[in-house]
């Protein structure tokens, strides 16, 4: 019995460009750490807003599917957890740099 596992399709959240980047001697143009972080913050904000809107609609008695509410809440929770872990790694890296002796 051969059970194959299908690959997971990549998510296109609009943060990373689909076309190859042009490079200059200074590095890649158009994609910086700040822009990636800003895009992820925008996604986190959108996830939080969707979860909040779903909860308000559900509480006010509007017709909303319970599974949609739970998916929005879980997506927001995971987004916050990922962002906190990224923040922790950034702070840890900064602290490591500050501990280096010149």
PDB file of N, CA and C in Angstrom:
ATOM      1  N   UNK A   1       0.838  -1.161   0.000  1.00  0.00           N
ATOM      2  CA  UNK A   1       0.000   0.000   0.000  1.00  0.00           C
ATOM      3  C   UNK A   1       0.892   1.236   0.000  1.00  0.00           C
ATOM      4  N   UNK A   2       0.787   2.044  -1.041  1.00  0.00           N
ATOM      5  CA  UNK A   2       1.610   3.240  -1.198  1.00  0.00           C
ATOM      6  C   UNK A   2       0.760   4.474  -0.901  1.00  0.00           C
ATOM      7  N   UNK A   3       1.117   5.176   0.167  1.00  0.00           N
ATOM      8  CA  UNK A   3       0.389   6.385   0.552  1.00  0.00           C
ATOM      9  C   UNK A   3       1.286   7.575   0.236  1.00  0.00           C
ATOM     10  N   UNK A   4       0.886   8.370  -0.754  1.00  0.00           N
ATOM     11  CA  UNK A   4       1.673   9.535  -1.133  1.00  0.00           C
ATOM     12  C   UNK A   4       1.214  10.768  -0.380  1.00  0.00           C
ATOM     13  N   UNK A   5       2.148  11.637  -0.133  1.00  0.00           N
ATOM     14  CA  UNK A   5       1.832  12.893   0.536  1.00  0.00           C
ATOM     15  C   UNK A   5       1.980  14.004  -0.489  1.00  0.00           C
ATOM     16  N   UNK A   6       0.913  14.746  -0.689  1.00  0.00           N
ATOM     17  CA  UNK A   6       0.928  15.845  -1.655  1.00  0.00           C
ATOM     18  C   UNK A   6       1.626  17.052  -1.039  1.00  0.00           C
ATOM     19  N   UNK A   7       2.410  17.789  -1.831  1.00  0.00           N
ATOM     20  CA  UNK A   7       3.069  18.979  -1.283  1.00  0.00           C
ATOM     21  C   UNK A   7       2.047  20.072  -0.980  1.00  0.00           C
ATOM     22  N   UNK A   8       2.398  20.899  -0.022  1.00  0.00           N
ATOM     23  CA  UNK A   8       1.534  22.006   0.370  1.00  0.00           C
ATOM     24  C   UNK A   8       1.801  23.177  -0.566  1.00  0.00           C
ATOM     25  N   UNK A   9       0.735  23.756  -1.096  1.00  0.00           N
ATOM     26  CA  UNK A   9       0.890  24.902  -1.998  1.00  0.00           C
ATOM     27  C   UNK A   9       1.307  26.124  -1.197  1.00  0.00           C
ATOM     28  N   UNK A  10       2.222  26.941  -1.723  1.00  0.00           N
ATOM     29  CA  UNK A  10       2.654  28.132  -0.984  1.00  0.00           C
ATOM     30  C   UNK A  10       1.530  29.155  -0.898  1.00  0.00           C
ATOM     31  N   UNK A  11       1.521  29.879   0.199  1.00  0.00           N
ATOM     32  CA  UNK A  11       0.545  30.937   0.385  1.00  0.00           C
ATOM     33  C   UNK A  11       1.061  32.202  -0.274  1.00  0.00           C
ATOM     34  N   UNK A  12       0.203  32.911  -0.967  1.00  0.00           N
ATOM     35  CA  UNK A  12       0.587  34.172  -1.588  1.00  0.00           C
ATOM     36  C   UNK A  12      -0.061  35.295  -0.808  1.00  0.00           C
ATOM     37  N   UNK A  13       0.682  35.853   0.160  1.00  0.00           N
ATOM     38  CA  UNK A  13       0.116  36.917   0.980  1.00  0.00           C
ATOM     39  C   UNK A  13       0.514  38.306   0.507  1.00  0.00           C
ATOM     40  N   UNK A  14       1.183  38.375  -0.644  1.00  0.00           N
ATOM     41  CA  UNK A  14       1.514  39.677  -1.208  1.00  0.00           C
ATOM     42  C   UNK A  14       2.748  40.315  -0.609  1.00  0.00           C
ATOM     43  N   UNK A  15       3.458  39.615   0.285  1.00  0.00           N
ATOM     44  CA  UNK A  15       4.633  40.216   0.909  1.00  0.00           C
ATOM     45  C   UNK A  15       5.869  40.009   0.046  1.00  0.00           C
ATOM     46  N   UNK A  16       6.056  38.796  -0.428  1.00  0.00           N
ATOM     47  CA  UNK A  16       7.226  38.512  -1.238  1.00  0.00           C
ATOM     48  C   UNK A  16       6.888  38.670  -2.710  1.00  0.00           C
ATOM     49  N   UNK A  17       7.775  39.253  -3.494  1.00  0.00           N
ATOM     50  CA  UNK A  17       7.483  39.448  -4.905  1.00  0.00           C
ATOM     51  C   UNK A  17       7.498  38.131  -5.663  1.00  0.00           C
ATOM     52  N   UNK A  18       6.675  38.045  -6.701  1.00  0.00           N
ATOM     53  CA  UNK A  18       6.634  36.814  -7.484  1.00  0.00           C
ATOM     54  C   UNK A  18       7.713  36.811  -8.568  1.00  0.00           C
ATOM     55  N   UNK A  19       8.140  37.991  -9.011  1.00  0.00           N
ATOM     56  CA  UNK A  19       9.188  38.098 -10.019  1.00  0.00           C
ATOM     57  C   UNK A  19      10.546  38.197  -9.333  1.00  0.00           C
ATOM     58  N   UNK A  20      11.613  37.744 -10.001  1.00  0.00           N
ATOM     59  CA  UNK A  20      12.938  37.862  -9.395  1.00  0.00           C
ATOM     60  C   UNK A  20      13.314  39.330  -9.223  1.00  0.00           C
ATOM     61  N   UNK A  21      14.050  39.589  -8.151  1.00  0.00           N
ATOM     62  CA  UNK A  21      14.467  40.950  -7.857  1.00  0.00           C
ATOM     63  C   UNK A  21      15.687  41.338  -8.681  1.00  0.00           C
ATOM     64  N   UNK A  22      15.725  42.585  -9.091  1.00  0.00           N
ATOM     65  CA  UNK A  22      16.930  43.095  -9.734  1.00  0.00           C
ATOM     66  C   UNK A  22      17.916  43.442  -8.631  1.00  0.00           C
ATOM     67  N   UNK A  23      19.165  43.096  -8.842  1.00  0.00           N
ATOM     68  CA  UNK A  23      20.150  43.385  -7.812  1.00  0.00           C
ATOM     69  C   UNK A  23      21.089  44.476  -8.280  1.00  0.00           C
ATOM     70  N   UNK A  24      21.533  45.237  -7.323  1.00  0.00           N
ATOM     71  CA  UNK A  24      22.524  46.280  -7.558  1.00  0.00           C
ATOM     72  C   UNK A  24      23.712  45.963  -6.672  1.00  0.00           C
ATOM     73  N   UNK A  25      24.819  46.671  -6.831  1.00  0.00           N
ATOM     74  CA  UNK A  25      25.948  46.394  -5.940  1.00  0.00           C
ATOM     75  C   UNK A  25      25.609  46.559  -4.461  1.00  0.00           C
ATOM     76  N   UNK A  26      24.624  47.382  -4.146  1.00  0.00           N
ATOM     77  CA  UNK A  26      24.251  47.591  -2.750  1.00  0.00           C
ATOM     78  C   UNK A  26      23.348  46.478  -2.222  1.00  0.00           C
ATOM     79  N   UNK A  27      22.763  45.675  -3.104  1.00  0.00           N
ATOM     80  CA  UNK A  27      21.891  44.589  -2.661  1.00  0.00           C
ATOM     81  C   UNK A  27      20.595  44.591  -3.436  1.00  0.00           C
ATOM     82  N   UNK A  28      19.645  43.752  -3.038  1.00  0.00           N
ATOM     83  CA  UNK A  28      18.372  43.686  -3.760  1.00  0.00           C
ATOM     84  C   UNK A  28      17.584  44.989  -3.615  1.00  0.00           C
ATOM     85  N   UNK A  29      16.894  45.350  -4.658  1.00  0.00           N
ATOM     86  CA  UNK A  29      16.089  46.566  -4.610  1.00  0.00           C
ATOM     87  C   UNK A  29      14.631  46.208  -4.382  1.00  0.00           C
ATOM     88  N   UNK A  30      13.954  47.031  -3.651  1.00  0.00           N
ATOM     89  CA  UNK A  30      12.527  46.861  -3.470  1.00  0.00           C
ATOM     90  C   UNK A  30      12.114  45.975  -2.311  1.00  0.00           C
ATOM     91  N   UNK A  31      12.954  45.116  -1.811  1.00  0.00           N
ATOM     92  CA  UNK A  31      12.574  44.213  -0.729  1.00  0.00           C
ATOM     93  C   UNK A  31      13.573  44.364   0.407  1.00  0.00           C
ATOM     94  N   UNK A  32      13.118  44.950   1.481  1.00  0.00           N
ATOM     95  CA  UNK A  32      13.974  45.132   2.648  1.00  0.00           C
ATOM     96  C   UNK A  32      13.326  44.458   3.847  1.00  0.00           C
ATOM     97  N   UNK A  33      14.118  44.294   4.885  1.00  0.00           N
ATOM     98  CA  UNK A  33      13.606  43.691   6.104  1.00  0.00           C
ATOM     99  C   UNK A  33      12.450  44.519   6.653  1.00  0.00           C
ATOM    100  N   UNK A  34      12.584  45.833   6.591  1.00  0.00           N
ATOM    101  CA  UNK A  34      11.536  46.720   7.084  1.00  0.00           C
ATOM    102  C   UNK A  34      10.236  46.558   6.323  1.00  0.00           C
ATOM    103  N   UNK A  35      10.327  46.403   4.996  1.00  0.00           N
ATOM    104  CA  UNK A  35       9.117  46.232   4.190  1.00  0.00           C
ATOM    105  C   UNK A  35       8.451  44.883   4.463  1.00  0.00           C
ATOM    106  N   UNK A  36       9.259  43.847   4.649  1.00  0.00           N
ATOM    107  CA  UNK A  36       8.705  42.531   4.976  1.00  0.00           C
ATOM    108  C   UNK A  36       7.999  42.594   6.328  1.00  0.00           C
ATOM    109  N   UNK A  37       8.659  43.220   7.310  1.00  0.00           N
ATOM    110  CA  UNK A  37       8.072  43.344   8.639  1.00  0.00           C
ATOM    111  C   UNK A  37       6.795  44.179   8.600  1.00  0.00           C
ATOM    112  N   UNK A  38       6.815  45.245   7.815  1.00  0.00           N
ATOM    113  CA  UNK A  38       5.619  46.083   7.674  1.00  0.00           C
ATOM    114  C   UNK A  38       4.466  45.308   7.043  1.00  0.00           C
ATOM    115  N   UNK A  39       4.769  44.499   6.035  1.00  0.00           N
ATOM    116  CA  UNK A  39       3.746  43.676   5.412  1.00  0.00           C
ATOM    117  C   UNK A  39       3.148  42.676   6.386  1.00  0.00           C
ATOM    118  N   UNK A  40       3.989  42.085   7.218  1.00  0.00           N
ATOM    119  CA  UNK A  40       3.499  41.124   8.198  1.00  0.00           C
ATOM    120  C   UNK A  40       2.665  41.817   9.280  1.00  0.00           C
ATOM    121  N   UNK A  41       3.048  43.040   9.660  1.00  0.00           N
ATOM    122  CA  UNK A  41       2.247  43.797  10.614  1.00  0.00           C
ATOM    123  C   UNK A  41       0.881  44.137  10.033  1.00  0.00           C
ATOM    124  N   UNK A  42       0.854  44.489   8.761  1.00  0.00           N
ATOM    125  CA  UNK A  42      -0.421  44.756   8.099  1.00  0.00           C
ATOM    126  C   UNK A  42      -1.301  43.512   8.080  1.00  0.00           C
ATOM    127  N   UNK A  43      -0.686  42.350   7.830  1.00  0.00           N
ATOM    128  CA  UNK A  43      -1.436  41.095   7.826  1.00  0.00           C
ATOM    129  C   UNK A  43      -1.956  40.773   9.226  1.00  0.00           C
ATOM    130  N   UNK A  44      -1.129  41.005  10.242  1.00  0.00           N
ATOM    131  CA  UNK A  44      -1.557  40.791  11.627  1.00  0.00           C
ATOM    132  C   UNK A  44      -2.744  41.692  11.957  1.00  0.00           C
ATOM    133  N   UNK A  45      -2.667  42.950  11.550  1.00  0.00           N
ATOM    134  CA  UNK A  45      -3.745  43.888  11.800  1.00  0.00           C
ATOM    135  C   UNK A  45      -5.035  43.443  11.097  1.00  0.00           C
ATOM    136  N   UNK A  46      -4.912  42.979   9.862  1.00  0.00           N
ATOM    137  CA  UNK A  46      -6.077  42.508   9.115  1.00  0.00           C
ATOM    138  C   UNK A  46      -6.699  41.280   9.780  1.00  0.00           C
ATOM    139  N   UNK A  47      -5.857  40.350  10.246  1.00  0.00           N
ATOM    140  CA  UNK A  47      -6.364  39.157  10.929  1.00  0.00           C
ATOM    141  C   UNK A  47      -7.084  39.526  12.224  1.00  0.00           C
ATOM    142  N   UNK A  48      -6.517  40.455  12.978  1.00  0.00           N
ATOM    143  CA  UNK A  48      -7.137  40.892  14.227  1.00  0.00           C
ATOM    144  C   UNK A  48      -8.465  41.593  13.949  1.00  0.00           C
ATOM    145  N   UNK A  49      -8.495  42.419  12.909  1.00  0.00           N
ATOM    146  CA  UNK A  49      -9.725  43.130  12.564  1.00  0.00           C
ATOM    147  C   UNK A  49     -10.820  42.148  12.123  1.00  0.00           C
ATOM    148  N   UNK A  50     -10.448  41.145  11.331  1.00  0.00           N
ATOM    149  CA  UNK A  50     -11.429  40.144  10.887  1.00  0.00           C
ATOM    150  C   UNK A  50     -11.990  39.367  12.070  1.00  0.00           C
ATOM    151  N   UNK A  51     -11.134  39.001  13.020  1.00  0.00           N
ATOM    152  CA  UNK A  51     -11.602  38.264  14.195  1.00  0.00           C
ATOM    153  C   UNK A  51     -12.516  39.139  15.044  1.00  0.00           C
ATOM    154  N   UNK A  52     -12.145  40.389  15.222  1.00  0.00           N
ATOM    155  CA  UNK A  52     -12.962  41.300  16.027  1.00  0.00           C
ATOM    156  C   UNK A  52     -14.326  41.536  15.372  1.00  0.00           C
ATOM    157  N   UNK A  53     -14.327  41.728  14.066  1.00  0.00           N
ATOM    158  CA  UNK A  53     -15.587  41.934  13.346  1.00  0.00           C
ATOM    159  C   UNK A  53     -16.471  40.695  13.443  1.00  0.00           C
ATOM    160  N   UNK A  54     -15.888  39.521  13.296  1.00  0.00           N
ATOM    161  CA  UNK A  54     -16.657  38.278  13.405  1.00  0.00           C
ATOM    162  C   UNK A  54     -17.263  38.120  14.796  1.00  0.00           C
ATOM    163  N   UNK A  55     -16.477  38.444  15.829  1.00  0.00           N
ATOM    164  CA  UNK A  55     -17.000  38.328  17.193  1.00  0.00           C
ATOM    165  C   UNK A  55     -18.136  39.315  17.433  1.00  0.00           C
ATOM    166  N   UNK A  56     -17.987  40.543  16.948  1.00  0.00           N
ATOM    167  CA  UNK A  56     -19.053  41.534  17.122  1.00  0.00           C
ATOM    168  C   UNK A  56     -20.322  41.102  16.388  1.00  0.00           C
ATOM    169  N   UNK A  57     -20.158  40.600  15.163  1.00  0.00           N
ATOM    170  CA  UNK A  57     -21.322  40.134  14.398  1.00  0.00           C
ATOM    171  C   UNK A  57     -22.017  38.976  15.098  1.00  0.00           C
ATOM    172  N   UNK A  58     -21.234  38.049  15.624  1.00  0.00           N
ATOM    173  CA  UNK A  58     -21.808  36.893  16.318  1.00  0.00           C
ATOM    174  C   UNK A  58     -22.531  37.323  17.588  1.00  0.00           C
ATOM    175  N   UNK A  59     -21.911  38.248  18.341  1.00  0.00           N
ATOM    176  CA  UNK A  59     -22.516  38.709  19.591  1.00  0.00           C
ATOM    177  C   UNK A  59     -23.789  39.507  19.348  1.00  0.00           C
ATOM    178  N   UNK A  60     -23.860  40.211  18.222  1.00  0.00           N
ATOM    179  CA  UNK A  60     -25.051  41.012  17.944  1.00  0.00           C
ATOM    180  C   UNK A  60     -26.166  40.196  17.301  1.00  0.00           C
ATOM    181  N   UNK A  61     -25.918  38.937  17.031  1.00  0.00           N
ATOM    182  CA  UNK A  61     -26.954  38.063  16.500  1.00  0.00           C
ATOM    183  C   UNK A  61     -27.027  38.025  14.988  1.00  0.00           C
ATOM    184  N   UNK A  62     -26.061  38.629  14.323  1.00  0.00           N
ATOM    185  CA  UNK A  62     -26.055  38.577  12.860  1.00  0.00           C
ATOM    186  C   UNK A  62     -25.773  37.149  12.407  1.00  0.00           C
ATOM    187  N   UNK A  63     -26.272  36.775  11.239  1.00  0.00           N
ATOM    188  CA  UNK A  63     -26.045  35.400  10.769  1.00  0.00           C
ATOM    189  C   UNK A  63     -24.591  35.207  10.338  1.00  0.00           C
ATOM    190  N   UNK A  64     -23.845  34.505  11.155  1.00  0.00           N
ATOM    191  CA  UNK A  64     -22.450  34.179  10.844  1.00  0.00           C
ATOM    192  C   UNK A  64     -22.221  32.734  11.246  1.00  0.00           C
ATOM    193  N   UNK A  65     -21.513  32.031  10.402  1.00  0.00           N
ATOM    194  CA  UNK A  65     -21.221  30.627  10.682  1.00  0.00           C
ATOM    195  C   UNK A  65     -20.207  30.534  11.818  1.00  0.00           C
ATOM    196  N   UNK A  66     -20.454  29.625  12.735  1.00  0.00           N
ATOM    197  CA  UNK A  66     -19.579  29.454  13.886  1.00  0.00           C
ATOM    198  C   UNK A  66     -18.172  29.044  13.459  1.00  0.00           C
ATOM    199  N   UNK A  67     -18.068  28.200  12.435  1.00  0.00           N
ATOM    200  CA  UNK A  67     -16.740  27.766  12.004  1.00  0.00           C
ATOM    201  C   UNK A  67     -15.946  28.929  11.414  1.00  0.00           C
ATOM    202  N   UNK A  68     -16.616  29.893  10.762  1.00  0.00           N
ATOM    203  CA  UNK A  68     -15.908  31.065  10.256  1.00  0.00           C
ATOM    204  C   UNK A  68     -15.368  31.909  11.402  1.00  0.00           C
ATOM    205  N   UNK A  69     -16.163  32.056  12.449  1.00  0.00           N
ATOM    206  CA  UNK A  69     -15.722  32.787  13.636  1.00  0.00           C
ATOM    207  C   UNK A  69     -14.494  32.129  14.250  1.00  0.00           C
ATOM    208  N   UNK A  70     -14.554  30.818  14.411  1.00  0.00           N
ATOM    209  CA  UNK A  70     -13.432  30.104  15.027  1.00  0.00           C
ATOM    210  C   UNK A  70     -12.175  30.159  14.155  1.00  0.00           C
ATOM    211  N   UNK A  71     -12.338  30.083  12.839  1.00  0.00           N
ATOM    212  CA  UNK A  71     -11.190  30.179  11.936  1.00  0.00           C
ATOM    213  C   UNK A  71     -10.555  31.554  12.037  1.00  0.00           C
ATOM    214  N   UNK A  72     -11.377  32.604  12.062  1.00  0.00           N
ATOM    215  CA  UNK A  72     -10.837  33.963  12.184  1.00  0.00           C
ATOM    216  C   UNK A  72     -10.117  34.169  13.514  1.00  0.00           C
ATOM    217  N   UNK A  73     -10.690  33.634  14.590  1.00  0.00           N
ATOM    218  CA  UNK A  73     -10.043  33.752  15.897  1.00  0.00           C
ATOM    219  C   UNK A  73      -8.714  32.998  15.935  1.00  0.00           C
ATOM    220  N   UNK A  74      -8.699  31.800  15.386  1.00  0.00           N
ATOM    221  CA  UNK A  74      -7.466  31.002  15.395  1.00  0.00           C
ATOM    222  C   UNK A  74      -6.398  31.634  14.517  1.00  0.00           C
ATOM    223  N   UNK A  75      -6.795  32.177  13.359  1.00  0.00           N
ATOM    224  CA  UNK A  75      -5.844  32.848  12.479  1.00  0.00           C
ATOM    225  C   UNK A  75      -5.217  34.051  13.193  1.00  0.00           C
ATOM    226  N   UNK A  76      -6.031  34.807  13.910  1.00  0.00           N
ATOM    227  CA  UNK A  76      -5.519  35.968  14.655  1.00  0.00           C
ATOM    228  C   UNK A  76      -4.582  35.514  15.775  1.00  0.00           C
ATOM    229  N   UNK A  77      -4.951  34.444  16.466  1.00  0.00           N
ATOM    230  CA  UNK A  77      -4.112  33.945  17.557  1.00  0.00           C
ATOM    231  C   UNK A  77      -2.746  33.487  17.050  1.00  0.00           C
ATOM    232  N   UNK A  78      -2.752  32.750  15.961  1.00  0.00           N
ATOM    233  CA  UNK A  78      -1.495  32.259  15.390  1.00  0.00           C
ATOM    234  C   UNK A  78      -0.647  33.428  14.879  1.00  0.00           C
ATOM    235  N   UNK A  79      -1.277  34.419  14.262  1.00  0.00           N
ATOM    236  CA  UNK A  79      -0.547  35.585  13.773  1.00  0.00           C
ATOM    237  C   UNK A  79       0.136  36.325  14.916  1.00  0.00           C
ATOM    238  N   UNK A  80      -0.567  36.472  16.031  1.00  0.00           N
ATOM    239  CA  UNK A  80       0.025  37.149  17.189  1.00  0.00           C
ATOM    240  C   UNK A  80       1.186  36.326  17.743  1.00  0.00           C
ATOM    241  N   UNK A  81       1.020  35.025  17.842  1.00  0.00           N
ATOM    242  CA  UNK A  81       2.092  34.176  18.360  1.00  0.00           C
ATOM    243  C   UNK A  81       3.332  34.244  17.476  1.00  0.00           C
ATOM    244  N   UNK A  82       3.149  34.216  16.170  1.00  0.00           N
ATOM    245  CA  UNK A  82       4.282  34.294  15.247  1.00  0.00           C
ATOM    246  C   UNK A  82       4.977  35.642  15.387  1.00  0.00           C
ATOM    247  N   UNK A  83       4.186  36.709  15.457  1.00  0.00           N
ATOM    248  CA  UNK A  83       4.792  38.032  15.577  1.00  0.00           C
ATOM    249  C   UNK A  83       5.560  38.177  16.884  1.00  0.00           C
ATOM    250  N   UNK A  84       5.040  37.646  17.972  1.00  0.00           N
ATOM    251  CA  UNK A  84       5.749  37.717  19.253  1.00  0.00           C
ATOM    252  C   UNK A  84       7.066  36.944  19.173  1.00  0.00           C
ATOM    253  N   UNK A  85       7.066  35.789  18.531  1.00  0.00           N
ATOM    254  CA  UNK A  85       8.305  35.024  18.401  1.00  0.00           C
ATOM    255  C   UNK A  85       9.324  35.752  17.537  1.00  0.00           C
ATOM    256  N   UNK A  86       8.865  36.391  16.460  1.00  0.00           N
ATOM    257  CA  UNK A  86       9.777  37.167  15.609  1.00  0.00           C
ATOM    258  C   UNK A  86      10.351  38.330  16.408  1.00  0.00           C
ATOM    259  N   UNK A  87       9.487  39.014  17.162  1.00  0.00           N
ATOM    260  CA  UNK A  87       9.959  40.128  17.995  1.00  0.00           C
ATOM    261  C   UNK A  87      10.998  39.642  19.001  1.00  0.00           C
ATOM    262  N   UNK A  88      10.747  38.497  19.631  1.00  0.00           N
ATOM    263  CA  UNK A  88      11.699  37.957  20.598  1.00  0.00           C
ATOM    264  C   UNK A  88      13.049  37.668  19.942  1.00  0.00           C
ATOM    265  N   UNK A  89      13.026  37.115  18.737  1.00  0.00           N
ATOM    266  CA  UNK A  89      14.285  36.831  18.037  1.00  0.00           C
ATOM    267  C   UNK A  89      15.018  38.109  17.665  1.00  0.00           C
ATOM    268  N   UNK A  90      14.288  39.139  17.268  1.00  0.00           N
ATOM    269  CA  UNK A  90      14.919  40.418  16.929  1.00  0.00           C
ATOM    270  C   UNK A  90      15.565  41.025  18.169  1.00  0.00           C
ATOM    271  N   UNK A  91      14.859  41.010  19.291  1.00  0.00           N
ATOM    272  CA  UNK A  91      15.407  41.560  20.532  1.00  0.00           C
ATOM    273  C   UNK A  91      16.619  40.750  20.975  1.00  0.00           C
ATOM    274  N   UNK A  92      16.538  39.439  20.871  1.00  0.00           N
ATOM    275  CA  UNK A  92      17.661  38.581  21.249  1.00  0.00           C
ATOM    276  C   UNK A  92      18.878  38.852  20.370  1.00  0.00           C
ATOM    277  N   UNK A  93      18.664  39.034  19.079  1.00  0.00           N
ATOM    278  CA  UNK A  93      19.776  39.341  18.172  1.00  0.00           C
ATOM    279  C   UNK A  93      20.398  40.686  18.501  1.00  0.00           C
ATOM    280  N   UNK A  94      19.566  41.659  18.807  1.00  0.00           N
ATOM    281  CA  UNK A  94      20.072  42.979  19.179  1.00  0.00           C
ATOM    282  C   UNK A  94      20.903  42.884  20.454  1.00  0.00           C
ATOM    283  N   UNK A  95      20.419  42.135  21.432  1.00  0.00           N
ATOM    284  CA  UNK A  95      21.171  41.968  22.671  1.00  0.00           C
ATOM    285  C   UNK A  95      22.490  41.262  22.433  1.00  0.00           C
ATOM    286  N   UNK A  96      22.518  40.276  21.549  1.00  0.00           N
ATOM    287  CA  UNK A  96      23.771  39.605  21.211  1.00  0.00           C
ATOM    288  C   UNK A  96      24.760  40.567  20.582  1.00  0.00           C
ATOM    289  N   UNK A  97      24.276  41.432  19.698  1.00  0.00           N
ATOM    290  CA  UNK A  97      25.140  42.427  19.068  1.00  0.00           C
ATOM    291  C   UNK A  97      25.701  43.402  20.098  1.00  0.00           C
ATOM    292  N   UNK A  98      24.893  43.779  21.058  1.00  0.00           N
ATOM    293  CA  UNK A  98      25.349  44.733  22.066  1.00  0.00           C
ATOM    294  C   UNK A  98      26.364  44.106  23.012  1.00  0.00           C
ATOM    295  N   UNK A  99      26.318  42.798  23.192  1.00  0.00           N
ATOM    296  CA  UNK A  99      27.275  42.115  24.069  1.00  0.00           C
ATOM    297  C   UNK A  99      28.623  41.873  23.397  1.00  0.00           C
ATOM    298  N   UNK A 100      28.684  42.011  22.089  1.00  0.00           N
ATOM    299  CA  UNK A 100      29.951  41.774  21.388  1.00  0.00           C
ATOM    300  C   UNK A 100      30.976  42.821  21.778  1.00  0.00           C
ATOM    301  N   UNK A 101      32.199  42.360  21.931  1.00  0.00           N
ATOM    302  CA  UNK A 101      33.288  43.286  22.257  1.00  0.00           C
ATOM    303  C   UNK A 101      33.901  43.809  20.978  1.00  0.00           C
ATOM    304  N   UNK A 102      34.248  45.056  21.010  1.00  0.00           N
ATOM    305  CA  UNK A 102      34.870  45.684  19.840  1.00  0.00           C
ATOM    306  C   UNK A 102      36.352  45.477  19.853  1.00  0.00           C
TER     307      UNK A 102
END
